[in-house]
Each structure stands twice: as structure tokens, then as C-alpha cells.
Amino acid sequence: MGTLYASGKFPVRGEGSVVVAQSVQKLTSSVIVEAAIVVADRDGLDALSMRRIADELGVGAMSLYRHIADKDALLQAMAEEIGTRFPYPVQECSSTWRERIEIAVEIDWELYQRHPWVVLAYATPRYAFGTESLAGLDWLIAGFVDVGVGHVRAAEMALAFWSLVNGVALAAVGEQLLSVQLRRRGAEASPSPDGGLADLIAGRLAVDPTTLPQLAALAGNPDATRLSDPRAVLDAGLRVLCAGFVTEVSG
């Protein structure tokens, strides 16, 4: 599946629209949030601080507090801003629940690839449910309600979908996030990003078939290589999840 952003169907709003410079004519909350996003994209959330953002903008740290109360408020504003750049087409009400899932997964996957730190931010409820996110959740729920699913159950189904995407995305960007953190601390990440299951499938990790017979059956199996591809794992998980949704809707 090609991304919907690449096709231009659902373009990213505001991406790259603000350039962070060492000197700004007017300090605003929007300028501060944009600078913080640039830092988080480049150096990870671990590098984020009010002083670091002030240095990025070439201003005094105390001047930021006239616009943003503290780091927690900054993270909330960053998460909300990212949500506005990757909106669901909530005005499109004719799509089915399955079409909404297909649209949402492309948008969310693109978001996490461009801004890996958001995976961590969205794992925290107070950052995950901003205005844009709530609108998107309501849109997903509506797709299930339209076919007779109760509101609470529909919300559970929508949140199960979000949890699947977030969990696989964390596995996909985890190596990148760890590498950034280690680099900041002067350490180096392992030269090989593989390990564990990937090594097992490739035959680089010996497995005793008498103790782990099911995993041993994966070693050297060419079909098993897709288990090391996060997007392939996500798509497989979505097929299983949607099959369950079909049963729920039909019941």
C-alpha cells in the first residue's frame, strides 16, 4: 500500500512551514513549538528542555515561559501540533469502518516515520488525546456505530486499532530512538540492527528444536523473513484485527 500522503490525497499540513533560526523577530508559542519539534526530530525527547529550545532560537530561557508554562505544556502543544499536520479526513462521512481503518493506518504510519518521538508521547494519555486526536477517534468510532455497534464497543475497537499501530510503530522506530539517545551520551549503538527473531530466521541464532520446536521451524524459512518487517507485521495484524471486527459487526 502506498502512503496517502505520497499520493497527495491527504497532504501533511504545516510540515516544514516554519524555519527555526538563531534569531527570530517575534517569539510566539508557535515558534517555540516548532523549534521543539525540530529538536525532538533530530535529537529525541531526551534532549528536550526549555533551555535547549531557547538556545535553538537564540533567546533567553526565561523568555519562553511567557508563552509556554513548562516542559509538560510544551510536550502537549507539540503533540497537538503534530496532530494538526496529520489529520484524519473527518469531514468524509461516507467511508466504511474498514476504509477508515485503511486511511488511518497510512496517516499514522507516516506520522511515526517522520516524527518517531511521537510514539512515546502518544503512549501517555495526556499527550495522546488532543483536539485533533479526539476528532479522529470520534471519526473512527462513527464508522463502527454506523453499522450498529454500540458506542462503548465501537470505542474499544477503535482504541484496539490505535494500540496495534502504536505498538508496531514503537518496534519500528525503537532502534532509531535508542541510537539517538546513545549518540547524545557519547556511546555507539550496535553496528547490526538485527538480533533476536531476525537472527533466528536468518539462521544466525541456533535454536534447540527439542525445547523451542515452533521457533526452530522458522529458521531458514523464506516466508518468515516478513516477520522482521514492521510494516508487514502491522498489515498482518490488521488483517487479523479486521477479521475480528467483521465478526463483531456481523454479530
C-alpha atoms as a PDB file:
ATOM      1  CA  MET A   1       0.000   0.000   0.000  1.00  0.00           C
ATOM      2  CA  GLY A   2       1.446   3.357  -0.969  1.00  0.00           C
ATOM      3  CA  THR A   3       1.008   6.165   1.506  1.00  0.00           C
ATOM      4  CA  LEU A   4      -1.868   8.532   1.011  1.00  0.00           C
ATOM      5  CA  TYR A   5       0.443  11.473   1.622  1.00  0.00           C
ATOM      6  CA  ALA A   6       2.720  10.438  -1.207  1.00  0.00           C
ATOM      7  CA  SER A   7      -0.295  10.394  -3.494  1.00  0.00           C
ATOM      8  CA  GLY A   8      -1.295  13.862  -2.333  1.00  0.00           C
ATOM      9  CA  LYS A   9      -4.748  12.684  -1.292  1.00  0.00           C
ATOM     10  CA  PHE A  10      -4.253  13.718   2.302  1.00  0.00           C
ATOM     11  CA  PRO A  11      -1.354  16.208   2.344  1.00  0.00           C
ATOM     12  CA  VAL A  12       0.529  16.976   5.526  1.00  0.00           C
ATOM     13  CA  ARG A  13      -0.451  20.369   6.892  1.00  0.00           C
ATOM     14  CA  GLY A  14       2.264  22.728   8.023  1.00  0.00           C
ATOM     15  CA  GLU A  15       5.176  20.303   7.591  1.00  0.00           C
ATOM     16  CA  GLY A  16       8.338  22.349   7.217  1.00  0.00           C
ATOM     17  CA  SER A  17       6.388  25.599   7.146  1.00  0.00           C
ATOM     18  CA  VAL A  18       8.379  27.222   9.953  1.00  0.00           C
ATOM     19  CA  VAL A  19      12.142  27.587   9.731  1.00  0.00           C
ATOM     20  CA  VAL A  20      13.996  27.620  13.040  1.00  0.00           C
ATOM     21  CA  ALA A  21      16.695  30.271  13.086  1.00  0.00           C
ATOM     22  CA  GLN A  22      19.130  31.511  15.661  1.00  0.00           C
ATOM     23  CA  SER A  23      17.380  34.860  15.722  1.00  0.00           C
ATOM     24  CA  VAL A  24      13.641  35.461  15.445  1.00  0.00           C
ATOM     25  CA  GLN A  25      11.888  38.777  15.138  1.00  0.00           C
ATOM     26  CA  LYS A  26       8.943  37.781  17.297  1.00  0.00           C
ATOM     27  CA  LEU A  27       8.826  34.986  19.828  1.00  0.00           C
ATOM     28  CA  THR A  28       5.471  33.193  19.895  1.00  0.00           C
ATOM     29  CA  SER A  29       4.194  29.882  21.211  1.00  0.00           C
ATOM     30  CA  SER A  30       4.033  28.588  17.622  1.00  0.00           C
ATOM     31  CA  VAL A  31       7.696  29.423  17.026  1.00  0.00           C
ATOM     32  CA  ILE A  32       8.666  27.724  20.293  1.00  0.00           C
ATOM     33  CA  VAL A  33       6.669  24.592  19.494  1.00  0.00           C
ATOM     34  CA  GLU A  34       8.162  24.372  16.010  1.00  0.00           C
ATOM     35  CA  ALA A  35      11.688  24.674  17.427  1.00  0.00           C
ATOM     36  CA  ALA A  36      10.886  21.953  19.969  1.00  0.00           C
ATOM     37  CA  ILE A  37       9.642  19.634  17.212  1.00  0.00           C
ATOM     38  CA  VAL A  38      12.837  20.208  15.243  1.00  0.00           C
ATOM     39  CA  VAL A  39      14.936  19.329  18.292  1.00  0.00           C
ATOM     40  CA  ALA A  40      12.845  16.237  19.100  1.00  0.00           C
ATOM     41  CA  ASP A  41      13.031  15.033  15.499  1.00  0.00           C
ATOM     42  CA  ARG A  42      16.783  15.476  15.417  1.00  0.00           C
ATOM     43  CA  ASP A  43      17.867  14.577  18.952  1.00  0.00           C
ATOM     44  CA  GLY A  44      14.921  12.812  20.598  1.00  0.00           C
ATOM     45  CA  LEU A  45      12.708  13.714  23.554  1.00  0.00           C
ATOM     46  CA  ASP A  46      15.579  13.102  25.940  1.00  0.00           C
ATOM     47  CA  ALA A  47      17.274  16.209  24.549  1.00  0.00           C
ATOM     48  CA  LEU A  48      14.248  18.431  25.048  1.00  0.00           C
ATOM     49  CA  SER A  49      14.424  21.196  27.634  1.00  0.00           C
ATOM     50  CA  MET A  50      13.315  24.805  27.806  1.00  0.00           C
ATOM     51  CA  ARG A  51      16.949  25.922  27.843  1.00  0.00           C
ATOM     52  CA  ARG A  52      17.761  23.801  24.801  1.00  0.00           C
ATOM     53  CA  ILE A  53      14.853  25.329  22.882  1.00  0.00           C
ATOM     54  CA  ALA A  54      15.930  28.813  23.928  1.00  0.00           C
ATOM     55  CA  ASP A  55      19.450  28.110  22.659  1.00  0.00           C
ATOM     56  CA  GLU A  56      17.979  26.848  19.394  1.00  0.00           C
ATOM     57  CA  LEU A  57      16.095  30.114  18.974  1.00  0.00           C
ATOM     58  CA  GLY A  58      18.890  32.342  20.235  1.00  0.00           C
ATOM     59  CA  VAL A  59      16.853  33.796  23.111  1.00  0.00           C
ATOM     60  CA  GLY A  60      16.960  33.711  26.894  1.00  0.00           C
ATOM     61  CA  ALA A  61      15.350  30.667  28.521  1.00  0.00           C
ATOM     62  CA  MET A  62      13.084  32.781  30.748  1.00  0.00           C
ATOM     63  CA  SER A  63      11.516  34.440  27.703  1.00  0.00           C
ATOM     64  CA  LEU A  64       9.949  31.113  26.737  1.00  0.00           C
ATOM     65  CA  TYR A  65       7.901  30.955  29.926  1.00  0.00           C
ATOM     66  CA  ARG A  66       5.877  33.975  28.860  1.00  0.00           C
ATOM     67  CA  HIS A  67       4.418  31.756  26.131  1.00  0.00           C
ATOM     68  CA  ILE A  68       4.717  28.152  27.396  1.00  0.00           C
ATOM     69  CA  ALA A  69       4.179  27.364  31.076  1.00  0.00           C
ATOM     70  CA  ASP A  70       6.635  24.453  31.380  1.00  0.00           C
ATOM     71  CA  LYS A  71       8.024  21.402  29.621  1.00  0.00           C
ATOM     72  CA  ASP A  72       4.855  19.413  30.176  1.00  0.00           C
ATOM     73  CA  ALA A  73       2.785  22.110  28.479  1.00  0.00           C
ATOM     74  CA  LEU A  74       5.362  22.193  25.686  1.00  0.00           C
ATOM     75  CA  LEU A  75       5.020  18.442  25.073  1.00  0.00           C
ATOM     76  CA  GLN A  76       1.244  18.761  24.998  1.00  0.00           C
ATOM     77  CA  ALA A  77       1.492  21.579  22.473  1.00  0.00           C
ATOM     78  CA  MET A  78       3.955  19.593  20.346  1.00  0.00           C
ATOM     79  CA  ALA A  79       1.685  16.542  20.277  1.00  0.00           C
ATOM     80  CA  GLU A  80      -1.294  18.709  19.363  1.00  0.00           C
ATOM     81  CA  GLU A  81       0.639  20.442  16.585  1.00  0.00           C
ATOM     82  CA  ILE A  82       1.736  17.129  15.102  1.00  0.00           C
ATOM     83  CA  GLY A  83      -1.899  16.015  15.175  1.00  0.00           C
ATOM     84  CA  THR A  84      -2.911  19.027  13.078  1.00  0.00           C
ATOM     85  CA  ARG A  85      -0.260  18.123  10.486  1.00  0.00           C
ATOM     86  CA  PHE A  86      -1.536  14.582  10.098  1.00  0.00           C
ATOM     87  CA  PRO A  87      -5.325  14.929  10.316  1.00  0.00           C
ATOM     88  CA  TYR A  88      -7.843  12.231   9.546  1.00  0.00           C
ATOM     89  CA  PRO A  89     -10.370  13.288   6.878  1.00  0.00           C
ATOM     90  CA  VAL A  90     -13.090  13.659   9.491  1.00  0.00           C
ATOM     91  CA  GLN A  91     -15.377  15.560   7.114  1.00  0.00           C
ATOM     92  CA  GLU A  92     -15.528  12.451   4.901  1.00  0.00           C
ATOM     93  CA  CYS A  93     -18.512  10.671   6.418  1.00  0.00           C
ATOM     94  CA  SER A  94     -19.396   8.228   3.630  1.00  0.00           C
ATOM     95  CA  SER A  95     -16.427   5.873   4.139  1.00  0.00           C
ATOM     96  CA  THR A  96     -16.992   2.487   5.776  1.00  0.00           C
ATOM     97  CA  TRP A  97     -15.302   1.415   9.002  1.00  0.00           C
ATOM     98  CA  ARG A  98     -12.800  -0.661   7.019  1.00  0.00           C
ATOM     99  CA  GLU A  99     -11.972   2.250   4.709  1.00  0.00           C
ATOM    100  CA  ARG A 100     -11.434   4.448   7.750  1.00  0.00           C
ATOM    101  CA  ILE A 101      -9.022   1.900   9.204  1.00  0.00           C
ATOM    102  CA  GLU A 102      -7.106   1.772   5.910  1.00  0.00           C
ATOM    103  CA  ILE A 103      -6.902   5.573   5.744  1.00  0.00           C
ATOM    104  CA  ALA A 104      -5.941   5.961   9.400  1.00  0.00           C
ATOM    105  CA  VAL A 105      -3.143   3.386   9.329  1.00  0.00           C
ATOM    106  CA  GLU A 106      -1.452   5.146   6.411  1.00  0.00           C
ATOM    107  CA  ILE A 107      -1.678   8.519   8.142  1.00  0.00           C
ATOM    108  CA  ASP A 108      -0.454   7.213  11.495  1.00  0.00           C
ATOM    109  CA  TRP A 109       2.395   5.189   9.997  1.00  0.00           C
ATOM    110  CA  GLU A 110       3.621   8.210   8.045  1.00  0.00           C
ATOM    111  CA  LEU A 111       3.408  10.329  11.199  1.00  0.00           C
ATOM    112  CA  TYR A 112       5.533   7.900  13.214  1.00  0.00           C
ATOM    113  CA  GLN A 113       8.114   7.569  10.448  1.00  0.00           C
ATOM    114  CA  ARG A 114       8.542  11.349  10.212  1.00  0.00           C
ATOM    115  CA  HIS A 115       8.390  12.032  13.953  1.00  0.00           C
ATOM    116  CA  PRO A 116       9.492   8.894  15.866  1.00  0.00           C
ATOM    117  CA  TRP A 117       9.324  10.592  19.274  1.00  0.00           C
ATOM    118  CA  VAL A 118       5.548  10.913  18.895  1.00  0.00           C
ATOM    119  CA  VAL A 119       5.262   7.152  19.507  1.00  0.00           C
ATOM    120  CA  LEU A 120       6.458   7.797  23.051  1.00  0.00           C
ATOM    121  CA  ALA A 121       4.390  10.947  23.507  1.00  0.00           C
ATOM    122  CA  TYR A 122       1.182   9.254  22.346  1.00  0.00           C
ATOM    123  CA  ALA A 123       1.789   6.412  24.804  1.00  0.00           C
ATOM    124  CA  THR A 124       0.960   8.962  27.534  1.00  0.00           C
ATOM    125  CA  PRO A 125      -2.813   9.684  27.671  1.00  0.00           C
ATOM    126  CA  ARG A 126      -2.480  13.382  28.487  1.00  0.00           C
ATOM    127  CA  TYR A 127      -0.472  13.890  25.294  1.00  0.00           C
ATOM    128  CA  ALA A 128      -2.399  11.428  23.129  1.00  0.00           C
ATOM    129  CA  PHE A 129      -5.869  12.922  23.288  1.00  0.00           C
ATOM    130  CA  GLY A 130      -5.611  16.449  21.998  1.00  0.00           C
ATOM    131  CA  THR A 131      -8.304  18.159  19.946  1.00  0.00           C
ATOM    132  CA  GLU A 132      -7.208  16.640  16.638  1.00  0.00           C
ATOM    133  CA  SER A 133      -6.810  13.158  18.112  1.00  0.00           C
ATOM    134  CA  LEU A 134     -10.260  13.268  19.681  1.00  0.00           C
ATOM    135  CA  ALA A 135     -11.769  14.296  16.349  1.00  0.00           C
ATOM    136  CA  GLY A 136     -10.002  11.376  14.685  1.00  0.00           C
ATOM    137  CA  LEU A 137     -11.157   8.945  17.358  1.00  0.00           C
ATOM    138  CA  ASP A 138     -14.736  10.146  17.001  1.00  0.00           C
ATOM    139  CA  TRP A 139     -14.485   9.561  13.232  1.00  0.00           C
ATOM    140  CA  LEU A 140     -13.195   6.026  13.710  1.00  0.00           C
ATOM    141  CA  ILE A 141     -15.905   5.230  16.250  1.00  0.00           C
ATOM    142  CA  ALA A 142     -18.585   6.575  13.918  1.00  0.00           C
ATOM    143  CA  GLY A 143     -17.584   4.038  11.275  1.00  0.00           C
ATOM    144  CA  PHE A 144     -18.499   1.202  13.633  1.00  0.00           C
ATOM    145  CA  VAL A 145     -21.575   2.885  15.084  1.00  0.00           C
ATOM    146  CA  ASP A 146     -22.909   3.337  11.544  1.00  0.00           C
ATOM    147  CA  VAL A 147     -23.180  -0.448  11.210  1.00  0.00           C
ATOM    148  CA  GLY A 148     -24.918  -0.983  14.528  1.00  0.00           C
ATOM    149  CA  VAL A 149     -22.077  -1.391  17.017  1.00  0.00           C
ATOM    150  CA  GLY A 150     -22.721   0.202  20.416  1.00  0.00           C
ATOM    151  CA  HIS A 151     -20.733   3.293  21.292  1.00  0.00           C
ATOM    152  CA  VAL A 152     -18.638   1.722  24.061  1.00  0.00           C
ATOM    153  CA  ARG A 153     -17.802  -1.346  21.991  1.00  0.00           C
ATOM    154  CA  ALA A 154     -17.051   0.837  18.966  1.00  0.00           C
ATOM    155  CA  ALA A 155     -14.651   2.909  21.074  1.00  0.00           C
ATOM    156  CA  GLU A 156     -12.937  -0.288  22.252  1.00  0.00           C
ATOM    157  CA  MET A 157     -12.488  -1.381  18.643  1.00  0.00           C
ATOM    158  CA  ALA A 158     -11.060   1.986  17.584  1.00  0.00           C
ATOM    159  CA  LEU A 159      -8.667   2.052  20.542  1.00  0.00           C
ATOM    160  CA  ALA A 160      -7.580  -1.536  19.808  1.00  0.00           C
ATOM    161  CA  PHE A 161      -6.645  -0.391  16.317  1.00  0.00           C
ATOM    162  CA  TRP A 162      -4.660   2.557  17.663  1.00  0.00           C
ATOM    163  CA  SER A 163      -2.886   0.299  20.167  1.00  0.00           C
ATOM    164  CA  LEU A 164      -1.823  -2.098  17.420  1.00  0.00           C
ATOM    165  CA  VAL A 165      -0.405   0.665  15.223  1.00  0.00           C
ATOM    166  CA  ASN A 166       1.373   2.347  18.136  1.00  0.00           C
ATOM    167  CA  GLY A 167       2.875  -0.920  19.363  1.00  0.00           C
ATOM    168  CA  VAL A 168       4.265  -1.946  15.979  1.00  0.00           C
ATOM    169  CA  ALA A 169       5.471   1.610  15.327  1.00  0.00           C
ATOM    170  CA  LEU A 170       7.422   1.528  18.588  1.00  0.00           C
ATOM    171  CA  ALA A 171       9.208  -1.614  17.403  1.00  0.00           C
ATOM    172  CA  ALA A 172       9.855   0.046  14.032  1.00  0.00           C
ATOM    173  CA  VAL A 173      11.371   3.272  15.378  1.00  0.00           C
ATOM    174  CA  GLY A 174      12.810   1.931  18.634  1.00  0.00           C
ATOM    175  CA  GLU A 175      16.256   1.333  17.127  1.00  0.00           C
ATOM    176  CA  GLN A 176      16.349   4.885  15.804  1.00  0.00           C
ATOM    177  CA  LEU A 177      15.263   6.370  19.136  1.00  0.00           C
ATOM    178  CA  LEU A 178      17.859   4.326  21.025  1.00  0.00           C
ATOM    179  CA  SER A 179      20.623   5.249  18.569  1.00  0.00           C
ATOM    180  CA  VAL A 180      19.873   8.961  19.002  1.00  0.00           C
ATOM    181  CA  GLN A 181      19.938   8.625  22.784  1.00  0.00           C
ATOM    182  CA  LEU A 182      23.196   6.674  22.802  1.00  0.00           C
ATOM    183  CA  ARG A 183      24.805   9.167  20.415  1.00  0.00           C
ATOM    184  CA  ARG A 184      23.931  12.039  22.738  1.00  0.00           C
ATOM    185  CA  ARG A 185      25.589  10.173  25.599  1.00  0.00           C
ATOM    186  CA  GLY A 186      28.741   9.548  23.596  1.00  0.00           C
ATOM    187  CA  ALA A 187      28.095   5.827  23.165  1.00  0.00           C
ATOM    188  CA  GLU A 188      27.586   3.858  19.994  1.00  0.00           C
ATOM    189  CA  ALA A 189      24.741   1.568  19.075  1.00  0.00           C
ATOM    190  CA  SER A 190      25.397  -1.952  17.883  1.00  0.00           C
ATOM    191  CA  PRO A 191      26.575  -1.940  14.256  1.00  0.00           C
ATOM    192  CA  SER A 192      23.952  -4.595  13.484  1.00  0.00           C
ATOM    193  CA  PRO A 193      20.306  -3.558  13.909  1.00  0.00           C
ATOM    194  CA  ASP A 194      19.250  -7.206  13.732  1.00  0.00           C
ATOM    195  CA  GLY A 195      19.012  -9.578  16.624  1.00  0.00           C
ATOM    196  CA  GLY A 196      16.685 -11.987  18.331  1.00  0.00           C
ATOM    197  CA  LEU A 197      13.977 -13.143  15.947  1.00  0.00           C
ATOM    198  CA  ALA A 198      15.689 -11.720  12.848  1.00  0.00           C
ATOM    199  CA  ASP A 199      18.871 -13.643  13.632  1.00  0.00           C
ATOM    200  CA  LEU A 200      16.869 -16.775  14.322  1.00  0.00           C
ATOM    201  CA  ILE A 201      15.051 -16.571  10.986  1.00  0.00           C
ATOM    202  CA  ALA A 202      18.311 -15.904   9.127  1.00  0.00           C
ATOM    203  CA  GLY A 203      19.928 -18.922  10.758  1.00  0.00           C
ATOM    204  CA  ARG A 204      22.433 -16.863  12.728  1.00  0.00           C
ATOM    205  CA  LEU A 205      20.956 -17.924  16.073  1.00  0.00           C
ATOM    206  CA  ALA A 206      20.932 -21.585  16.974  1.00  0.00           C
ATOM    207  CA  VAL A 207      17.671 -22.867  18.418  1.00  0.00           C
ATOM    208  CA  ASP A 208      17.201 -26.269  20.007  1.00  0.00           C
ATOM    209  CA  PRO A 209      14.216 -27.877  18.234  1.00  0.00           C
ATOM    210  CA  THR A 210      13.537 -30.076  21.246  1.00  0.00           C
ATOM    211  CA  THR A 211      12.894 -27.106  23.544  1.00  0.00           C
ATOM    212  CA  LEU A 212      11.646 -24.493  21.054  1.00  0.00           C
ATOM    213  CA  PRO A 213      10.187 -26.545  18.200  1.00  0.00           C
ATOM    214  CA  GLN A 214       7.891 -23.858  16.801  1.00  0.00           C
ATOM    215  CA  LEU A 215      10.612 -21.226  16.615  1.00  0.00           C
ATOM    216  CA  ALA A 216      13.058 -23.753  15.193  1.00  0.00           C
ATOM    217  CA  ALA A 217      10.630 -24.242  12.304  1.00  0.00           C
ATOM    218  CA  LEU A 218      11.082 -20.564  11.374  1.00  0.00           C
ATOM    219  CA  ALA A 219      14.862 -20.816  10.968  1.00  0.00           C
ATOM    220  CA  GLY A 220      15.785 -20.564   7.311  1.00  0.00           C
ATOM    221  CA  ASN A 221      12.135 -20.312   6.249  1.00  0.00           C
ATOM    222  CA  PRO A 222      11.989 -17.661   3.474  1.00  0.00           C
ATOM    223  CA  ASP A 223       8.345 -16.885   4.262  1.00  0.00           C
ATOM    224  CA  ALA A 224       9.341 -15.989   7.806  1.00  0.00           C
ATOM    225  CA  THR A 225      11.513 -13.060   6.711  1.00  0.00           C
ATOM    226  CA  ARG A 226       8.441 -10.827   6.678  1.00  0.00           C
ATOM    227  CA  LEU A 227       8.289 -11.212  10.464  1.00  0.00           C
ATOM    228  CA  SER A 228      11.284  -8.857  10.610  1.00  0.00           C
ATOM    229  CA  ASP A 229       9.487  -6.167   8.595  1.00  0.00           C
ATOM    230  CA  PRO A 230       7.425  -3.975  10.970  1.00  0.00           C
ATOM    231  CA  ARG A 231       5.081  -2.796   8.238  1.00  0.00           C
ATOM    232  CA  ALA A 232       4.439  -6.383   7.119  1.00  0.00           C
ATOM    233  CA  VAL A 233       3.761  -7.327  10.743  1.00  0.00           C
ATOM    234  CA  LEU A 234       1.378  -4.382  11.057  1.00  0.00           C
ATOM    235  CA  ASP A 235      -0.520  -5.318   7.900  1.00  0.00           C
ATOM    236  CA  ALA A 236      -0.802  -8.925   9.071  1.00  0.00           C
ATOM    237  CA  GLY A 237      -2.034  -7.779  12.462  1.00  0.00           C
ATOM    238  CA  LEU A 238      -4.607  -5.520  10.823  1.00  0.00           C
ATOM    239  CA  ARG A 239      -5.950  -8.404   8.752  1.00  0.00           C
ATOM    240  CA  VAL A 240      -6.467 -10.438  11.911  1.00  0.00           C
ATOM    241  CA  LEU A 241      -7.944  -7.475  13.795  1.00  0.00           C
ATOM    242  CA  CYS A 242     -10.319  -6.587  10.962  1.00  0.00           C
ATOM    243  CA  ALA A 243     -11.430 -10.215  10.719  1.00  0.00           C
ATOM    244  CA  GLY A 244     -12.421  -9.937  14.353  1.00  0.00           C
ATOM    245  CA  PHE A 245     -14.181  -6.649  13.648  1.00  0.00           C
ATOM    246  CA  VAL A 246     -16.163  -8.322  10.876  1.00  0.00           C
ATOM    247  CA  THR A 247     -17.359 -10.950  13.342  1.00  0.00           C
ATOM    248  CA  GLU A 248     -18.262  -8.228  15.840  1.00  0.00           C
ATOM    249  CA  VAL A 249     -20.161  -6.216  13.254  1.00  0.00           C
ATOM    250  CA  SER A 250     -21.968  -9.267  11.867  1.00  0.00           C
ATOM    251  CA  GLY A 251     -22.979 -10.387  15.329  1.00  0.00           C
END
